[in-house]
PDB file of N, CA and C in Angstrom:
ATOM      1  N   UNK A   1      32.825 155.243  68.133  1.00  0.00           N
ATOM      2  CA  UNK A   1      33.384 154.012  67.644  1.00  0.00           C
ATOM      3  C   UNK A   1      32.630 153.532  66.414  1.00  0.00           C
ATOM      4  N   UNK A   2      33.221 152.590  65.741  1.00  0.00           N
ATOM      5  CA  UNK A   2      32.644 152.072  64.508  1.00  0.00           C
ATOM      6  C   UNK A   2      31.555 151.061  64.830  1.00  0.00           C
ATOM      7  N   UNK A   3      30.353 151.316  64.331  1.00  0.00           N
ATOM      8  CA  UNK A   3      29.219 150.433  64.595  1.00  0.00           C
ATOM      9  C   UNK A   3      29.045 149.479  63.408  1.00  0.00           C
ATOM     10  N   UNK A   4      29.406 148.218  63.610  1.00  0.00           N
ATOM     11  CA  UNK A   4      29.380 147.226  62.535  1.00  0.00           C
ATOM     12  C   UNK A   4      27.951 146.938  62.092  1.00  0.00           C
ATOM     13  N   UNK A   5      27.026 146.887  63.051  1.00  0.00           N
ATOM     14  CA  UNK A   5      25.638 146.583  62.716  1.00  0.00           C
ATOM     15  C   UNK A   5      25.056 147.659  61.799  1.00  0.00           C
ATOM     16  N   UNK A   6      25.305 148.920  62.128  1.00  0.00           N
ATOM     17  CA  UNK A   6      24.800 150.021  61.301  1.00  0.00           C
ATOM     18  C   UNK A   6      25.456 149.985  59.917  1.00  0.00           C
ATOM     19  N   UNK A   7      26.720 149.693  59.872  1.00  0.00           N
ATOM     20  CA  UNK A   7      27.424 149.619  58.588  1.00  0.00           C
ATOM     21  C   UNK A   7      26.866 148.485  57.733  1.00  0.00           C
ATOM     22  N   UNK A   8      26.606 147.315  58.346  1.00  0.00           N
ATOM     23  CA  UNK A   8      26.048 146.180  57.613  1.00  0.00           C
ATOM     24  C   UNK A   8      24.650 146.518  57.076  1.00  0.00           C
ATOM     25  N   UNK A   9      23.847 147.234  57.851  1.00  0.00           N
ATOM     26  CA  UNK A   9      22.524 147.649  57.382  1.00  0.00           C
ATOM     27  C   UNK A   9      22.652 148.600  56.202  1.00  0.00           C
ATOM     28  N   UNK A  10      23.601 149.517  56.286  1.00  0.00           N
ATOM     29  CA  UNK A  10      23.832 150.471  55.199  1.00  0.00           C
ATOM     30  C   UNK A  10      24.228 149.738  53.924  1.00  0.00           C
ATOM     31  N   UNK A  11      25.138 148.794  54.037  1.00  0.00           N
ATOM     32  CA  UNK A  11      25.580 148.030  52.867  1.00  0.00           C
ATOM     33  C   UNK A  11      24.421 147.211  52.309  1.00  0.00           C
ATOM     34  N   UNK A  12      23.618 146.622  53.166  1.00  0.00           N
ATOM     35  CA  UNK A  12      22.454 145.866  52.719  1.00  0.00           C
ATOM     36  C   UNK A  12      21.463 146.730  51.959  1.00  0.00           C
ATOM     37  N   UNK A  13      21.201 147.930  52.478  1.00  0.00           N
ATOM     38  CA  UNK A  13      20.294 148.858  51.791  1.00  0.00           C
ATOM     39  C   UNK A  13      20.882 149.290  50.456  1.00  0.00           C
ATOM     40  N   UNK A  14      22.164 149.593  50.447  1.00  0.00           N
ATOM     41  CA  UNK A  14      22.839 150.020  49.220  1.00  0.00           C
ATOM     42  C   UNK A  14      22.760 148.916  48.164  1.00  0.00           C
ATOM     43  N   UNK A  15      22.989 147.671  48.596  1.00  0.00           N
ATOM     44  CA  UNK A  15      22.929 146.537  47.679  1.00  0.00           C
ATOM     45  C   UNK A  15      21.521 146.370  47.114  1.00  0.00           C
ATOM     46  N   UNK A  16      20.518 146.547  47.948  1.00  0.00           N
ATOM     47  CA  UNK A  16      19.132 146.393  47.498  1.00  0.00           C
ATOM     48  C   UNK A  16      18.729 147.519  46.546  1.00  0.00           C
ATOM     49  N   UNK A  17      19.174 148.735  46.808  1.00  0.00           N
ATOM     50  CA  UNK A  17      18.790 149.888  45.987  1.00  0.00           C
ATOM     51  C   UNK A  17      19.559 149.941  44.669  1.00  0.00           C
ATOM     52  N   UNK A  18      20.855 149.601  44.709  1.00  0.00           N
ATOM     53  CA  UNK A  18      21.699 149.732  43.516  1.00  0.00           C
ATOM     54  C   UNK A  18      22.610 148.510  43.372  1.00  0.00           C
ATOM     55  N   UNK A  19      22.047 147.365  42.954  1.00  0.00           N
ATOM     56  CA  UNK A  19      22.866 146.151  42.893  1.00  0.00           C
ATOM     57  C   UNK A  19      24.016 146.245  41.893  1.00  0.00           C
ATOM     58  N   UNK A  20      23.783 146.892  40.744  1.00  0.00           N
ATOM     59  CA  UNK A  20      24.843 146.985  39.738  1.00  0.00           C
ATOM     60  C   UNK A  20      25.982 147.894  40.205  1.00  0.00           C
ATOM     61  N   UNK A  21      25.644 148.950  40.887  1.00  0.00           N
ATOM     62  CA  UNK A  21      26.674 149.827  41.448  1.00  0.00           C
ATOM     63  C   UNK A  21      27.490 149.100  42.505  1.00  0.00           C
ATOM     64  N   UNK A  22      26.795 148.332  43.349  1.00  0.00           N
ATOM     65  CA  UNK A  22      27.481 147.552  44.383  1.00  0.00           C
ATOM     66  C   UNK A  22      28.429 146.541  43.752  1.00  0.00           C
ATOM     67  N   UNK A  23      27.936 145.795  42.755  1.00  0.00           N
ATOM     68  CA  UNK A  23      28.776 144.796  42.094  1.00  0.00           C
ATOM     69  C   UNK A  23      29.965 145.443  41.378  1.00  0.00           C
ATOM     70  N   UNK A  24      29.748 146.601  40.790  1.00  0.00           N
ATOM     71  CA  UNK A  24      30.846 147.304  40.113  1.00  0.00           C
ATOM     72  C   UNK A  24      31.924 147.707  41.113  1.00  0.00           C
ATOM     73  N   UNK A  25      31.512 148.266  42.232  1.00  0.00           N
ATOM     74  CA  UNK A  25      32.476 148.682  43.254  1.00  0.00           C
ATOM     75  C   UNK A  25      33.227 147.467  43.805  1.00  0.00           C
ATOM     76  N   UNK A  26      32.514 146.370  44.069  1.00  0.00           N
ATOM     77  CA  UNK A  26      33.169 145.159  44.585  1.00  0.00           C
ATOM     78  C   UNK A  26      34.158 144.606  43.557  1.00  0.00           C
ATOM     79  N   UNK A  27      33.751 144.633  42.291  1.00  0.00           N
ATOM     80  CA  UNK A  27      34.639 144.146  41.234  1.00  0.00           C
ATOM     81  C   UNK A  27      35.914 145.002  41.171  1.00  0.00           C
ATOM     82  N   UNK A  28      35.755 146.296  41.214  1.00  0.00           N
ATOM     83  CA  UNK A  28      36.908 147.195  41.168  1.00  0.00           C
ATOM     84  C   UNK A  28      37.794 147.051  42.405  1.00  0.00           C
ATOM     85  N   UNK A  29      37.181 146.789  43.533  1.00  0.00           N
ATOM     86  CA  UNK A  29      37.960 146.643  44.767  1.00  0.00           C
ATOM     87  C   UNK A  29      38.698 145.305  44.817  1.00  0.00           C
ATOM     88  N   UNK A  30      38.114 144.249  44.269  1.00  0.00           N
ATOM     89  CA  UNK A  30      38.708 142.913  44.373  1.00  0.00           C
ATOM     90  C   UNK A  30      39.667 142.565  43.242  1.00  0.00           C
ATOM     91  N   UNK A  31      39.558 143.227  42.109  1.00  0.00           N
ATOM     92  CA  UNK A  31      40.418 142.908  40.963  1.00  0.00           C
ATOM     93  C   UNK A  31      41.911 142.989  41.296  1.00  0.00           C
ATOM     94  N   UNK A  32      42.389 144.043  41.948  1.00  0.00           N
ATOM     95  CA  UNK A  32      43.826 144.078  42.272  1.00  0.00           C
ATOM     96  C   UNK A  32      44.258 142.925  43.181  1.00  0.00           C
ATOM     97  N   UNK A  33      43.376 142.512  44.076  1.00  0.00           N
ATOM     98  CA  UNK A  33      43.709 141.401  44.959  1.00  0.00           C
ATOM     99  C   UNK A  33      43.827 140.098  44.172  1.00  0.00           C
ATOM    100  N   UNK A  34      42.921 139.884  43.212  1.00  0.00           N
ATOM    101  CA  UNK A  34      43.007 138.688  42.378  1.00  0.00           C
ATOM    102  C   UNK A  34      44.265 138.701  41.519  1.00  0.00           C
ATOM    103  N   UNK A  35      44.613 139.858  40.986  1.00  0.00           N
ATOM    104  CA  UNK A  35      45.828 139.972  40.173  1.00  0.00           C
ATOM    105  C   UNK A  35      47.069 139.681  41.021  1.00  0.00           C
ATOM    106  N   UNK A  36      47.094 140.229  42.221  1.00  0.00           N
ATOM    107  CA  UNK A  36      48.216 139.954  43.122  1.00  0.00           C
ATOM    108  C   UNK A  36      48.313 138.485  43.460  1.00  0.00           C
ATOM    109  N   UNK A  37      47.185 137.865  43.685  1.00  0.00           N
ATOM    110  CA  UNK A  37      47.161 136.434  43.988  1.00  0.00           C
ATOM    111  C   UNK A  37      47.690 135.626  42.807  1.00  0.00           C
ATOM    112  N   UNK A  38      47.319 136.007  41.606  1.00  0.00           N
ATOM    113  CA  UNK A  38      47.791 135.305  40.409  1.00  0.00           C
ATOM    114  C   UNK A  38      49.301 135.413  40.268  1.00  0.00           C
ATOM    115  N   UNK A  39      49.819 136.603  40.458  1.00  0.00           N
ATOM    116  CA  UNK A  39      51.265 136.823  40.337  1.00  0.00           C
ATOM    117  C   UNK A  39      52.029 136.014  41.381  1.00  0.00           C
ATOM    118  N   UNK A  40      51.552 136.055  42.618  1.00  0.00           N
ATOM    119  CA  UNK A  40      52.226 135.315  43.683  1.00  0.00           C
ATOM    120  C   UNK A  40      52.132 133.807  43.478  1.00  0.00           C
ATOM    121  N   UNK A  41      51.017 133.328  42.938  1.00  0.00           N
ATOM    122  CA  UNK A  41      50.867 131.894  42.656  1.00  0.00           C
ATOM    123  C   UNK A  41      51.865 131.443  41.595  1.00  0.00           C
ATOM    124  N   UNK A  42      52.040 132.259  40.571  1.00  0.00           N
ATOM    125  CA  UNK A  42      52.994 131.909  39.513  1.00  0.00           C
ATOM    126  C   UNK A  42      54.425 131.899  40.050  1.00  0.00           C
ATOM    127  N   UNK A  43      54.750 132.870  40.893  1.00  0.00           N
ATOM    128  CA  UNK A  43      56.092 132.895  41.493  1.00  0.00           C
ATOM    129  C   UNK A  43      56.324 131.658  42.347  1.00  0.00           C
ATOM    130  N   UNK A  44      55.326 131.291  43.139  1.00  0.00           N
ATOM    131  CA  UNK A  44      55.452 130.109  43.992  1.00  0.00           C
ATOM    132  C   UNK A  44      55.611 128.848  43.154  1.00  0.00           C
ATOM    133  N   UNK A  45      54.870 128.754  42.058  1.00  0.00           N
ATOM    134  CA  UNK A  45      54.986 127.586  41.186  1.00  0.00           C
ATOM    135  C   UNK A  45      56.395 127.490  40.604  1.00  0.00           C
ATOM    136  N   UNK A  46      56.975 128.623  40.211  1.00  0.00           N
ATOM    137  CA  UNK A  46      58.343 128.620  39.678  1.00  0.00           C
ATOM    138  C   UNK A  46      59.343 128.183  40.738  1.00  0.00           C
ATOM    139  N   UNK A  47      59.164 128.650  41.960  1.00  0.00           N
ATOM    140  CA  UNK A  47      60.071 128.280  43.045  1.00  0.00           C
ATOM    141  C   UNK A  47      59.978 126.783  43.319  1.00  0.00           C
ATOM    142  N   UNK A  48      58.763 126.245  43.345  1.00  0.00           N
ATOM    143  CA  UNK A  48      58.578 124.813  43.599  1.00  0.00           C
ATOM    144  C   UNK A  48      59.210 123.994  42.481  1.00  0.00           C
ATOM    145  N   UNK A  49      59.008 124.404  41.225  1.00  0.00           N
ATOM    146  CA  UNK A  49      59.603 123.686  40.103  1.00  0.00           C
ATOM    147  C   UNK A  49      61.127 123.712  40.176  1.00  0.00           C
ATOM    148  N   UNK A  50      61.691 124.861  40.545  1.00  0.00           N
ATOM    149  CA  UNK A  50      63.143 124.970  40.651  1.00  0.00           C
ATOM    150  C   UNK A  50      63.676 124.045  41.744  1.00  0.00           C
ATOM    151  N   UNK A  51      62.985 123.980  42.873  1.00  0.00           N
ATOM    152  CA  UNK A  51      63.410 123.082  43.961  1.00  0.00           C
ATOM    153  C   UNK A  51      63.345 121.623  43.528  1.00  0.00           C
ATOM    154  N   UNK A  52      62.258 121.269  42.828  1.00  0.00           N
ATOM    155  CA  UNK A  52      62.122 119.887  42.368  1.00  0.00           C
ATOM    156  C   UNK A  52      63.232 119.523  41.379  1.00  0.00           C
ATOM    157  N   UNK A  53      63.556 120.447  40.468  1.00  0.00           N
ATOM    158  CA  UNK A  53      64.644 120.204  39.520  1.00  0.00           C
ATOM    159  C   UNK A  53      65.960 120.031  40.257  1.00  0.00           C
ATOM    160  N   UNK A  54      66.209 120.898  41.251  1.00  0.00           N
ATOM    161  CA  UNK A  54      67.451 120.843  42.007  1.00  0.00           C
ATOM    162  C   UNK A  54      67.558 119.523  42.771  1.00  0.00           C
ATOM    163  N   UNK A  55      66.454 119.105  43.405  1.00  0.00           N
ATOM    164  CA  UNK A  55      66.465 117.830  44.141  1.00  0.00           C
ATOM    165  C   UNK A  55      66.700 116.655  43.192  1.00  0.00           C
ATOM    166  N   UNK A  56      66.075 116.700  42.020  1.00  0.00           N
ATOM    167  CA  UNK A  56      66.252 115.629  41.042  1.00  0.00           C
ATOM    168  C   UNK A  56      67.706 115.590  40.557  1.00  0.00           C
ATOM    169  N   UNK A  57      68.279 116.773  40.319  1.00  0.00           N
ATOM    170  CA  UNK A  57      69.669 116.850  39.873  1.00  0.00           C
ATOM    171  C   UNK A  57      70.608 116.306  40.950  1.00  0.00           C
ATOM    172  N   UNK A  58      70.365 116.678  42.199  1.00  0.00           N
ATOM    173  CA  UNK A  58      71.199 116.186  43.295  1.00  0.00           C
ATOM    174  C   UNK A  58      71.081 114.675  43.447  1.00  0.00           C
ATOM    175  N   UNK A  59      69.872 114.169  43.287  1.00  0.00           N
ATOM    176  CA  UNK A  59      69.647 112.726  43.396  1.00  0.00           C
ATOM    177  C   UNK A  59      70.405 111.988  42.294  1.00  0.00           C
ATOM    178  N   UNK A  60      70.322 112.503  41.070  1.00  0.00           N
ATOM    179  CA  UNK A  60      71.036 111.883  39.954  1.00  0.00           C
ATOM    180  C   UNK A  60      72.544 111.979  40.138  1.00  0.00           C
ATOM    181  N   UNK A  61      73.028 113.106  40.659  1.00  0.00           N
ATOM    182  CA  UNK A  61      74.459 113.275  40.899  1.00  0.00           C
ATOM    183  C   UNK A  61      74.933 112.271  41.938  1.00  0.00           C
ATOM    184  N   UNK A  62      74.147 112.094  42.997  1.00  0.00           N
ATOM    185  CA  UNK A  62      74.505 111.146  44.048  1.00  0.00           C
ATOM    186  C   UNK A  62      74.520 109.725  43.492  1.00  0.00           C
ATOM    187  N   UNK A  63      73.512 109.393  42.676  1.00  0.00           N
ATOM    188  CA  UNK A  63      73.426 108.067  42.077  1.00  0.00           C
ATOM    189  C   UNK A  63      74.630 107.826  41.153  1.00  0.00           C
ATOM    190  N   UNK A  64      74.997 108.843  40.368  1.00  0.00           N
ATOM    191  CA  UNK A  64      76.135 108.715  39.461  1.00  0.00           C
ATOM    192  C   UNK A  64      77.447 108.567  40.224  1.00  0.00           C
ATOM    193  N   UNK A  65      77.592 109.311  41.323  1.00  0.00           N
ATOM    194  CA  UNK A  65      78.842 109.223  42.086  1.00  0.00           C
ATOM    195  C   UNK A  65      78.976 107.843  42.738  1.00  0.00           C
ATOM    196  N   UNK A  66      77.863 107.257  43.160  1.00  0.00           N
ATOM    197  CA  UNK A  66      77.915 105.908  43.731  1.00  0.00           C
ATOM    198  C   UNK A  66      78.300 104.901  42.653  1.00  0.00           C
ATOM    199  N   UNK A  67      77.775 105.098  41.455  1.00  0.00           N
ATOM    200  CA  UNK A  67      78.127 104.216  40.349  1.00  0.00           C
ATOM    201  C   UNK A  67      79.604 104.334  39.990  1.00  0.00           C
ATOM    202  N   UNK A  68      80.133 105.550  40.026  1.00  0.00           N
ATOM    203  CA  UNK A  68      81.556 105.766  39.735  1.00  0.00           C
ATOM    204  C   UNK A  68      82.435 105.084  40.773  1.00  0.00           C
ATOM    205  N   UNK A  69      81.991 105.127  42.036  1.00  0.00           N
ATOM    206  CA  UNK A  69      82.769 104.478  43.097  1.00  0.00           C
ATOM    207  C   UNK A  69      82.838 102.974  42.859  1.00  0.00           C
ATOM    208  N   UNK A  70      81.718 102.385  42.449  1.00  0.00           N
ATOM    209  CA  UNK A  70      81.696 100.944  42.180  1.00  0.00           C
ATOM    210  C   UNK A  70      82.614 100.601  41.013  1.00  0.00           C
ATOM    211  N   UNK A  71      82.603 101.430  39.987  1.00  0.00           N
ATOM    212  CA  UNK A  71      83.475 101.198  38.830  1.00  0.00           C
ATOM    213  C   UNK A  71      84.934 101.318  39.241  1.00  0.00           C
ATOM    214  N   UNK A  72      85.241 102.319  40.061  1.00  0.00           N
ATOM    215  CA  UNK A  72      86.625 102.516  40.520  1.00  0.00           C
ATOM    216  C   UNK A  72      87.076 101.313  41.341  1.00  0.00           C
ATOM    217  N   UNK A  73      86.209 100.816  42.228  1.00  0.00           N
ATOM    218  CA  UNK A  73      86.558  99.644  43.036  1.00  0.00           C
ATOM    219  C   UNK A  73      86.804  98.434  42.134  1.00  0.00           C
ATOM    220  N   UNK A  74      85.939  98.253  41.137  1.00  0.00           N
ATOM    221  CA  UNK A  74      86.084  97.112  40.229  1.00  0.00           C
ATOM    222  C   UNK A  74      87.404  97.209  39.462  1.00  0.00           C
ATOM    223  N   UNK A  75      87.772  98.405  39.022  1.00  0.00           N
ATOM    224  CA  UNK A  75      89.036  98.580  38.313  1.00  0.00           C
ATOM    225  C   UNK A  75      90.228  98.283  39.217  1.00  0.00           C
ATOM    226  N   UNK A  76      90.127  98.727  40.458  1.00  0.00           N
ATOM    227  CA  UNK A  76      91.232  98.484  41.408  1.00  0.00           C
ATOM    228  C   UNK A  76      91.376  96.984  41.660  1.00  0.00           C
ATOM    229  N   UNK A  77      90.262  96.285  41.801  1.00  0.00           N
ATOM    230  CA  UNK A  77      90.304  94.857  42.029  1.00  0.00           C
ATOM    231  C   UNK A  77      90.890  94.131  40.816  1.00  0.00           C
ATOM    232  N   UNK A  78      90.599  94.583  39.627  1.00  0.00           N
ATOM    233  CA  UNK A  78      91.135  93.989  38.411  1.00  0.00           C
ATOM    234  C   UNK A  78      92.651  94.179  38.331  1.00  0.00           C
ATOM    235  N   UNK A  79      93.119  95.358  38.767  1.00  0.00           N
ATOM    236  CA  UNK A  79      94.552  95.642  38.751  1.00  0.00           C
ATOM    237  C   UNK A  79      95.308  94.737  39.723  1.00  0.00           C
ATOM    238  N   UNK A  80      94.689  94.459  40.869  1.00  0.00           N
ATOM    239  CA  UNK A  80      95.346  93.656  41.896  1.00  0.00           C
ATOM    240  C   UNK A  80      95.348  92.235  41.469  1.00  0.00           C
TER     241      UNK A  80
END
């Protein structure tokens, strides 16, 4: 089975003996994850902005339709 304690000791020794090599490997291993996170964050921001625009548009449409109803009622009352 995988011994976590032995692995942690190995990584600790490796870090102490070759810190620049360790940092290089960590940088190379983590860069794709950071890039993926950036891409997904931008997509999420676009989705949120689109939803906010849609909600604002719906709110304005509802407000305008209520205003039109009031105008229509006023015109009908004037005709009568």
